Protein backbone atom coordinates (compact mmCIF):
# COMPACT_ATOMS: atom_id res chain seq x y z
CA MET A 1 284.24 75.19 102.93
CA GLY A 2 281.61 76.54 100.74
CA SER A 3 282.10 77.16 97.03
CA ARG A 4 282.51 80.59 95.57
CA GLU A 5 280.09 81.83 92.97
CA ILE A 6 281.58 83.70 90.06
CA ASN A 7 279.23 86.29 88.53
CA GLU A 8 280.28 87.42 85.12
CA ILE A 9 279.11 90.73 83.74
CA VAL A 10 279.30 91.85 80.11
CA VAL A 11 278.90 95.49 79.44
CA THR A 12 277.13 96.00 76.06
CA ASP A 13 276.38 99.70 76.08
CA ILE A 14 277.15 102.92 77.96
CA ARG A 15 274.92 105.75 77.72
CA MET A 16 276.86 108.98 77.91
CA SER A 17 276.21 112.32 76.29
CA PHE A 18 278.65 113.76 73.85
CA SER A 19 279.65 116.74 76.01
CA SER A 20 280.45 114.67 79.08
CA MET A 21 282.36 112.26 76.91
CA VAL A 22 284.44 115.23 75.60
CA VAL A 23 285.05 116.50 79.22
CA PHE A 24 286.19 112.95 80.25
CA MET A 25 288.54 112.69 77.30
CA VAL A 26 290.06 116.13 78.03
CA LYS A 27 290.58 115.10 81.73
CA TRP A 28 292.06 111.85 80.57
CA ALA A 29 294.50 113.76 78.19
CA ILE A 30 295.54 116.16 81.02
CA ALA A 31 296.14 113.17 83.32
CA THR A 32 298.62 111.64 80.88
CA ILE A 33 301.05 114.65 81.29
CA PRO A 34 302.20 113.76 84.81
CA ALA A 35 302.15 110.03 83.96
CA LEU A 36 304.58 110.72 81.05
CA ILE A 37 306.79 112.80 83.16
CA ILE A 38 307.00 110.16 85.79
CA LEU A 39 307.73 107.47 83.09
CA THR A 40 310.47 109.67 81.57
CA VAL A 41 312.19 110.11 84.90
CA VAL A 42 312.00 106.39 85.71
CA GLY A 43 313.31 105.46 82.27
CA SER A 44 316.12 107.96 82.52
CA VAL A 45 317.19 106.56 85.83
CA LEU A 46 317.07 102.93 84.56
CA LEU A 47 319.01 103.83 81.48
CA GLY A 48 321.62 105.64 83.66
CA ILE A 49 321.97 102.56 85.82
CA LEU A 50 322.34 100.34 82.77
CA ARG A 51 324.94 102.79 81.29
CA ILE A 52 326.95 102.55 84.58
CA PHE A 53 326.93 98.82 84.55
CA PHE A 54 327.49 98.15 80.89
CA GLY A 55 329.10 101.32 79.51
CA GLY A 56 331.01 102.66 82.52
CA PHE A 57 332.38 106.16 82.83
CA HIS A 58 335.45 106.82 80.67
CA PRO A 59 337.50 110.09 80.71
CA GLY A 60 336.66 112.03 77.59
CA MET A 61 333.61 109.90 76.84
CA ARG A 62 331.00 111.86 74.90
CA PHE A 63 327.27 111.21 75.19
């Protein structure tokens, strides 16, 4: 079998205008909103499962 060559690339500079960088960062900020919603739902489900296993449901239990 032949050997694989590994090519390493180091990025030292990115040429980007200020306005396109602002647009990119605004899109990035807007994209975080659905991600946070998904993470909140997943975290709530996991905490609910942990509460069932370790806390149990007791009559009159307040959250």
